[in-house]
Amino acid sequence: MTKPHVGSSLDDFLAEDAMLQEVTAIAVKRVIAWQIQEEMASQKLTKTAMAKRCIRVVLH
């Protein structure tokens, strides 16, 4: 069986340049933002309505 890929992985490359944590954090933030956006669309919520809900949760 031959290797389909030659060389290091993207994670290895980023780790060598000490960028893995930063890139991972950015990716996680983008996924969370996308999930929130999708849920807001499914519930037909505006940004203002979502912000009001978030404030209520934080204050209680």
PDB file of N, CA and C in Angstrom:
ATOM      1  N   MET A   1       0.850  -1.183   0.000  1.00  0.00           N
ATOM      2  CA  MET A   1       0.000   0.000   0.000  1.00  0.00           C
ATOM      3  C   MET A   1       0.893   1.242   0.000  1.00  0.00           C
ATOM      4  N   THR A   2       0.597   2.172  -0.868  1.00  0.00           N
ATOM      5  CA  THR A   2       1.392   3.393  -0.936  1.00  0.00           C
ATOM      6  C   THR A   2       0.679   4.510  -0.208  1.00  0.00           C
ATOM      7  N   LYS A   3       1.465   5.479   0.228  1.00  0.00           N
ATOM      8  CA  LYS A   3       0.893   6.642   0.905  1.00  0.00           C
ATOM      9  C   LYS A   3       0.244   7.560  -0.132  1.00  0.00           C
ATOM     10  N   PRO A   4      -0.996   7.967   0.104  1.00  0.00           N
ATOM     11  CA  PRO A   4      -1.637   8.871  -0.855  1.00  0.00           C
ATOM     12  C   PRO A   4      -1.083  10.297  -0.773  1.00  0.00           C
ATOM     13  N   HIS A   5      -0.515  10.646   0.362  1.00  0.00           N
ATOM     14  CA  HIS A   5      -0.001  12.002   0.565  1.00  0.00           C
ATOM     15  C   HIS A   5       1.456  11.939   1.007  1.00  0.00           C
ATOM     16  N   VAL A   6       2.228  12.840   0.503  1.00  0.00           N
ATOM     17  CA  VAL A   6       3.634  12.908   0.872  1.00  0.00           C
ATOM     18  C   VAL A   6       3.858  14.210   1.629  1.00  0.00           C
ATOM     19  N   GLY A   7       4.628  14.149   2.690  1.00  0.00           N
ATOM     20  CA  GLY A   7       4.920  15.354   3.452  1.00  0.00           C
ATOM     21  C   GLY A   7       4.124  15.421   4.737  1.00  0.00           C
ATOM     22  N   SER A   8       4.263  16.547   5.393  1.00  0.00           N
ATOM     23  CA  SER A   8       3.605  16.714   6.681  1.00  0.00           C
ATOM     24  C   SER A   8       2.168  17.190   6.491  1.00  0.00           C
ATOM     25  N   SER A   9       1.403  17.100   7.558  1.00  0.00           N
ATOM     26  CA  SER A   9       0.022  17.570   7.521  1.00  0.00           C
ATOM     27  C   SER A   9      -0.012  19.081   7.749  1.00  0.00           C
ATOM     28  N   LEU A  10      -1.145  19.667   7.489  1.00  0.00           N
ATOM     29  CA  LEU A  10      -1.310  21.097   7.727  1.00  0.00           C
ATOM     30  C   LEU A  10      -1.111  21.401   9.207  1.00  0.00           C
ATOM     31  N   ASP A  11      -1.633  20.537  10.077  1.00  0.00           N
ATOM     32  CA  ASP A  11      -1.452  20.735  11.522  1.00  0.00           C
ATOM     33  C   ASP A  11       0.027  20.752  11.888  1.00  0.00           C
ATOM     34  N   ASP A  12       0.803  19.834  11.309  1.00  0.00           N
ATOM     35  CA  ASP A  12       2.243  19.807  11.580  1.00  0.00           C
ATOM     36  C   ASP A  12       2.905  21.099  11.125  1.00  0.00           C
ATOM     37  N   PHE A  13       2.538  21.565   9.933  1.00  0.00           N
ATOM     38  CA  PHE A  13       3.100  22.798   9.399  1.00  0.00           C
ATOM     39  C   PHE A  13       2.790  23.982  10.306  1.00  0.00           C
ATOM     40  N   LEU A  14       1.524  24.085  10.708  1.00  0.00           N
ATOM     41  CA  LEU A  14       1.124  25.206  11.574  1.00  0.00           C
ATOM     42  C   LEU A  14       1.786  25.108  12.945  1.00  0.00           C
ATOM     43  N   ALA A  15       1.941  23.907  13.461  1.00  0.00           N
ATOM     44  CA  ALA A  15       2.590  23.728  14.758  1.00  0.00           C
ATOM     45  C   ALA A  15       4.052  24.155  14.691  1.00  0.00           C
ATOM     46  N   GLU A  16       4.715  23.863  13.578  1.00  0.00           N
ATOM     47  CA  GLU A  16       6.107  24.269  13.417  1.00  0.00           C
ATOM     48  C   GLU A  16       6.242  25.781  13.447  1.00  0.00           C
ATOM     49  N   ASP A  17       5.266  26.485  12.908  1.00  0.00           N
ATOM     50  CA  ASP A  17       5.300  27.945  12.885  1.00  0.00           C
ATOM     51  C   ASP A  17       4.595  28.557  14.098  1.00  0.00           C
ATOM     52  N   ALA A  18       4.251  27.736  15.079  1.00  0.00           N
ATOM     53  CA  ALA A  18       3.581  28.176  16.312  1.00  0.00           C
ATOM     54  C   ALA A  18       2.284  28.920  16.007  1.00  0.00           C
ATOM     55  N   MET A  19       1.580  28.470  14.981  1.00  0.00           N
ATOM     56  CA  MET A  19       0.325  29.108  14.596  1.00  0.00           C
ATOM     57  C   MET A  19      -0.879  28.196  14.805  1.00  0.00           C
ATOM     58  N   LEU A  20      -0.660  26.968  15.210  1.00  0.00           N
ATOM     59  CA  LEU A  20      -1.755  25.998  15.304  1.00  0.00           C
ATOM     60  C   LEU A  20      -2.856  26.461  16.249  1.00  0.00           C
ATOM     61  N   GLN A  21      -2.494  26.931  17.435  1.00  0.00           N
ATOM     62  CA  GLN A  21      -3.519  27.368  18.402  1.00  0.00           C
ATOM     63  C   GLN A  21      -4.313  28.548  17.874  1.00  0.00           C
ATOM     64  N   GLU A  22      -3.626  29.506  17.272  1.00  0.00           N
ATOM     65  CA  GLU A  22      -4.297  30.699  16.761  1.00  0.00           C
ATOM     66  C   GLU A  22      -5.273  30.342  15.635  1.00  0.00           C
ATOM     67  N   VAL A  23      -4.829  29.518  14.708  1.00  0.00           N
ATOM     68  CA  VAL A  23      -5.674  29.122  13.585  1.00  0.00           C
ATOM     69  C   VAL A  23      -6.850  28.284  14.074  1.00  0.00           C
ATOM     70  N   THR A  24      -6.622  27.416  15.036  1.00  0.00           N
ATOM     71  CA  THR A  24      -7.696  26.593  15.592  1.00  0.00           C
ATOM     72  C   THR A  24      -8.735  27.472  16.285  1.00  0.00           C
ATOM     73  N   ALA A  25      -8.283  28.459  17.051  1.00  0.00           N
ATOM     74  CA  ALA A  25      -9.213  29.365  17.742  1.00  0.00           C
ATOM     75  C   ALA A  25     -10.069  30.137  16.747  1.00  0.00           C
ATOM     76  N   ILE A  26      -9.458  30.609  15.668  1.00  0.00           N
ATOM     77  CA  ILE A  26     -10.205  31.342  14.646  1.00  0.00           C
ATOM     78  C   ILE A  26     -11.247  30.430  14.010  1.00  0.00           C
ATOM     79  N   ALA A  27     -10.862  29.213  13.705  1.00  0.00           N
ATOM     80  CA  ALA A  27     -11.792  28.258  13.080  1.00  0.00           C
ATOM     81  C   ALA A  27     -12.968  27.959  14.004  1.00  0.00           C
ATOM     82  N   VAL A  28     -12.700  27.762  15.288  1.00  0.00           N
ATOM     83  CA  VAL A  28     -13.764  27.470  16.249  1.00  0.00           C
ATOM     84  C   VAL A  28     -14.727  28.654  16.344  1.00  0.00           C
ATOM     85  N   LYS A  29     -14.190  29.865  16.395  1.00  0.00           N
ATOM     86  CA  LYS A  29     -15.044  31.057  16.470  1.00  0.00           C
ATOM     87  C   LYS A  29     -15.934  31.176  15.237  1.00  0.00           C
ATOM     88  N   ARG A  30     -15.375  30.871  14.073  1.00  0.00           N
ATOM     89  CA  ARG A  30     -16.165  30.959  12.843  1.00  0.00           C
ATOM     90  C   ARG A  30     -17.275  29.920  12.817  1.00  0.00           C
ATOM     91  N   VAL A  31     -16.999  28.731  13.299  1.00  0.00           N
ATOM     92  CA  VAL A  31     -18.025  27.687  13.338  1.00  0.00           C
ATOM     93  C   VAL A  31     -19.140  28.071  14.305  1.00  0.00           C
ATOM     94  N   ILE A  32     -18.778  28.581  15.471  1.00  0.00           N
ATOM     95  CA  ILE A  32     -19.788  28.996  16.450  1.00  0.00           C
ATOM     96  C   ILE A  32     -20.641  30.126  15.875  1.00  0.00           C
ATOM     97  N   ALA A  33     -20.007  31.103  15.230  1.00  0.00           N
ATOM     98  CA  ALA A  33     -20.754  32.214  14.627  1.00  0.00           C
ATOM     99  C   ALA A  33     -21.703  31.707  13.553  1.00  0.00           C
ATOM    100  N   TRP A  34     -21.247  30.757  12.742  1.00  0.00           N
ATOM    101  CA  TRP A  34     -22.104  30.178  11.700  1.00  0.00           C
ATOM    102  C   TRP A  34     -23.286  29.441  12.319  1.00  0.00           C
ATOM    103  N   GLN A  35     -23.036  28.677  13.387  1.00  0.00           N
ATOM    104  CA  GLN A  35     -24.125  27.945  14.046  1.00  0.00           C
ATOM    105  C   GLN A  35     -25.158  28.901  14.632  1.00  0.00           C
ATOM    106  N   ILE A  36     -24.700  29.981  15.240  1.00  0.00           N
ATOM    107  CA  ILE A  36     -25.621  30.980  15.789  1.00  0.00           C
ATOM    108  C   ILE A  36     -26.431  31.616  14.670  1.00  0.00           C
ATOM    109  N   GLN A  37     -25.768  31.963  13.582  1.00  0.00           N
ATOM    110  CA  GLN A  37     -26.450  32.571  12.435  1.00  0.00           C
ATOM    111  C   GLN A  37     -27.515  31.635  11.872  1.00  0.00           C
ATOM    112  N   GLU A  38     -27.191  30.359  11.747  1.00  0.00           N
ATOM    113  CA  GLU A  38     -28.153  29.380  11.237  1.00  0.00           C
ATOM    114  C   GLU A  38     -29.362  29.249  12.175  1.00  0.00           C
ATOM    115  N   GLU A  39     -29.101  29.214  13.470  1.00  0.00           N
ATOM    116  CA  GLU A  39     -30.197  29.088  14.439  1.00  0.00           C
ATOM    117  C   GLU A  39     -31.061  30.344  14.448  1.00  0.00           C
ATOM    118  N   MET A  40     -30.433  31.509  14.343  1.00  0.00           N
ATOM    119  CA  MET A  40     -31.193  32.759  14.273  1.00  0.00           C
ATOM    120  C   MET A  40     -32.101  32.757  13.042  1.00  0.00           C
ATOM    121  N   ALA A  41     -31.598  32.273  11.926  1.00  0.00           N
ATOM    122  CA  ALA A  41     -32.398  32.223  10.699  1.00  0.00           C
ATOM    123  C   ALA A  41     -33.565  31.254  10.857  1.00  0.00           C
ATOM    124  N   SER A  42     -33.309  30.113  11.481  1.00  0.00           N
ATOM    125  CA  SER A  42     -34.384  29.135  11.642  1.00  0.00           C
ATOM    126  C   SER A  42     -35.477  29.632  12.582  1.00  0.00           C
ATOM    127  N   GLN A  43     -35.092  30.472  13.547  1.00  0.00           N
ATOM    128  CA  GLN A  43     -36.080  31.031  14.489  1.00  0.00           C
ATOM    129  C   GLN A  43     -36.562  32.418  14.056  1.00  0.00           C
ATOM    130  N   LYS A  44     -36.075  32.878  12.912  1.00  0.00           N
ATOM    131  CA  LYS A  44     -36.426  34.201  12.379  1.00  0.00           C
ATOM    132  C   LYS A  44     -36.143  35.308  13.399  1.00  0.00           C
ATOM    133  N   LEU A  45     -34.954  35.256  13.981  1.00  0.00           N
ATOM    134  CA  LEU A  45     -34.535  36.253  14.967  1.00  0.00           C
ATOM    135  C   LEU A  45     -33.630  37.291  14.316  1.00  0.00           C
ATOM    136  N   THR A  46     -33.831  38.550  14.669  1.00  0.00           N
ATOM    137  CA  THR A  46     -32.918  39.597  14.239  1.00  0.00           C
ATOM    138  C   THR A  46     -31.742  39.643  15.216  1.00  0.00           C
ATOM    139  N   LYS A  47     -30.715  40.379  14.844  1.00  0.00           N
ATOM    140  CA  LYS A  47     -29.570  40.533  15.739  1.00  0.00           C
ATOM    141  C   LYS A  47     -30.001  41.216  17.036  1.00  0.00           C
ATOM    142  N   THR A  48     -30.899  42.177  16.925  1.00  0.00           N
ATOM    143  CA  THR A  48     -31.390  42.895  18.102  1.00  0.00           C
ATOM    144  C   THR A  48     -32.137  41.955  19.045  1.00  0.00           C
ATOM    145  N   ALA A  49     -33.007  41.121  18.489  1.00  0.00           N
ATOM    146  CA  ALA A  49     -33.763  40.177  19.314  1.00  0.00           C
ATOM    147  C   ALA A  49     -32.823  39.171  19.973  1.00  0.00           C
ATOM    148  N   MET A  50     -31.830  38.729  19.231  1.00  0.00           N
ATOM    149  CA  MET A  50     -30.855  37.783  19.790  1.00  0.00           C
ATOM    150  C   MET A  50     -30.065  38.440  20.918  1.00  0.00           C
ATOM    151  N   ALA A  51     -29.664  39.680  20.720  1.00  0.00           N
ATOM    152  CA  ALA A  51     -28.911  40.399  21.754  1.00  0.00           C
ATOM    153  C   ALA A  51     -29.742  40.558  23.026  1.00  0.00           C
ATOM    154  N   LYS A  52     -31.017  40.853  22.862  1.00  0.00           N
ATOM    155  CA  LYS A  52     -31.896  40.987  24.030  1.00  0.00           C
ATOM    156  C   LYS A  52     -31.998  39.664  24.792  1.00  0.00           C
ATOM    157  N   ARG A  53     -32.102  38.560  24.053  1.00  0.00           N
ATOM    158  CA  ARG A  53     -32.153  37.253  24.715  1.00  0.00           C
ATOM    159  C   ARG A  53     -30.857  36.968  25.460  1.00  0.00           C
ATOM    160  N   CYS A  54     -29.738  37.307  24.845  1.00  0.00           N
ATOM    161  CA  CYS A  54     -28.437  37.063  25.486  1.00  0.00           C
ATOM    162  C   CYS A  54     -28.294  37.884  26.761  1.00  0.00           C
ATOM    163  N   ILE A  55     -28.742  39.123  26.717  1.00  0.00           N
ATOM    164  CA  ILE A  55     -28.654  39.994  27.903  1.00  0.00           C
ATOM    165  C   ILE A  55     -29.513  39.437  29.030  1.00  0.00           C
ATOM    166  N   ARG A  56     -30.720  38.965  28.692  1.00  0.00           N
ATOM    167  CA  ARG A  56     -31.590  38.374  29.712  1.00  0.00           C
ATOM    168  C   ARG A  56     -30.931  37.180  30.378  1.00  0.00           C
ATOM    169  N   VAL A  57     -30.261  36.343  29.590  1.00  0.00           N
ATOM    170  CA  VAL A  57     -29.602  35.156  30.140  1.00  0.00           C
ATOM    171  C   VAL A  57     -28.460  35.561  31.056  1.00  0.00           C
ATOM    172  N   VAL A  58     -27.690  36.547  30.661  1.00  0.00           N
ATOM    173  CA  VAL A  58     -26.543  36.977  31.458  1.00  0.00           C
ATOM    174  C   VAL A  58     -26.998  37.622  32.763  1.00  0.00           C
ATOM    175  N   LEU A  59     -28.061  38.394  32.721  1.00  0.00           N
ATOM    176  CA  LEU A  59     -28.515  39.118  33.908  1.00  0.00           C
ATOM    177  C   LEU A  59     -29.277  38.241  34.890  1.00  0.00           C
ATOM    178  N   HIS A  60     -29.753  37.112  34.463  1.00  0.00           N
ATOM    179  CA  HIS A  60     -30.519  36.247  35.388  1.00  0.00           C
ATOM    180  C   HIS A  60     -29.741  35.077  35.834  1.00  0.00           C
TER     181      HIS A  60
END
